Amino acid sequence: MFFLVSCDQAPTETDSDDVEKKELILYNWEDYTPQNILEQFEKETGIKVVLKEFQTADEQIAVLQSKPDFCDLLMVDVDEAITILEPLKIIEKLDRTRMVVDHEPHALFRDAESYGVPYGIGLLGFAVDKRYVDLAFKDCRFLIADEKFKGKISLLDEPVDIFYMLMNAVGVSMNSENETDHQHAYDFGTRLKKMMPKFQDVYSGLDDLNEGEVWIAMAYSGDTLLYQEDNSNIEFIYSLDRPCVWRDLLCLNMNAPNKENAYKFMEFINSPQVAAEISLQFKSAPAVAGAEKYMDRESLSNPLINMPDSLLKICEKQERVKENNAAINRLYLHLSNQSKGVGDD
């Protein structure tokens, strides 16, 4: 789905060069861009922002491989940026001499500063209807713990997230390259298929949860907190055994048509004030140190937004997506392919 933040008139021969200098194309997750931040950037710089959106990481990569100059900046998970998109020559390392960087990133981004500007942090888990789901659980095996969950589960149509869920369910790290671990996860997937889960994007799953169509929706912490504001029956739960933390990074497209403007935007958002605004709007943990000074007390008291060190120490980060790519795709296709029947394999 594409949404133009600013509509551009077709340039004339006399002003086409000026239009090129005054445009920035941002490619982000659906509903993950603060409109007021874009408007403030436009006001301060005179650069118009065109926002294009995607719903899955696979969709994003496919678009950029077929249209290399599709955007200037794109949102990427840290590990996928380093191990997949940079080797594919979709993104390039930043030239730090082209922007002022005078703010410290969150500690979770200190292995990725050369690849982009920190944007957000959160957890992968499950939004659940607490009327039907026990909030106390250790790992993702709870999905098959009760027959009443059959037909009431929504899973994300994201292969890497599914891989984490399956590996967590059998008590191993999502970064394990051990084939025996992968087979155990495959076997758990066979059992989970019998629960007839849906595969959806995060918002479709949360919509179904909100409407009572499902009781469990695989989701991200920030999105769940936003839905929780309108439905007090919704709670976010995550595995106590190696919870998965995600780290979003704003990266520079190697074939960006407006690189100078891209650097200006990255410099603009790389501040505690803007990081705080992103955090408050999307209920994510701030990605720049010092953002806490600009956040309200209620947000700071929420451990899903102001994530304590005690939680971060037990979290697991995606670090082997490239190495495990074949297993990730195999497990995802196995679990998501319902056409053979739930008893197959």
Foldseek 3Di string as FASTA:
>chain_A
DFDFLDDDDDDDPVCPVVLLQQEFEEEEAPPQDDSVLQVVLCVVPVHGYGYGHDQAPVVVVVVCVVPVQNGFKYKDWQQCQVQPCVVVQFFDFDDPVLADFDFAWPPVCPVPNRFFFWAFKFFWFKKFQVVPDDQDDAALLVLLVDLVQQQQEEEELYLLSLLQRLLRNVPHHSQDPDVVSLVSSLVVLLSNLRSVYHYDGAVVQLVCCLVVSHGMYTHIDLVQVVSCVVPVSIDTHAHNQATAMTIMGITGGSNHSHNSVVSVSRNSCNDLCNQLVSCVVRVGARGTPPVVVVHDPVSCVDCRHVPDPVVVVRHDYDNCCPVCVVSSVVSSCSNNPCVVDSNDD
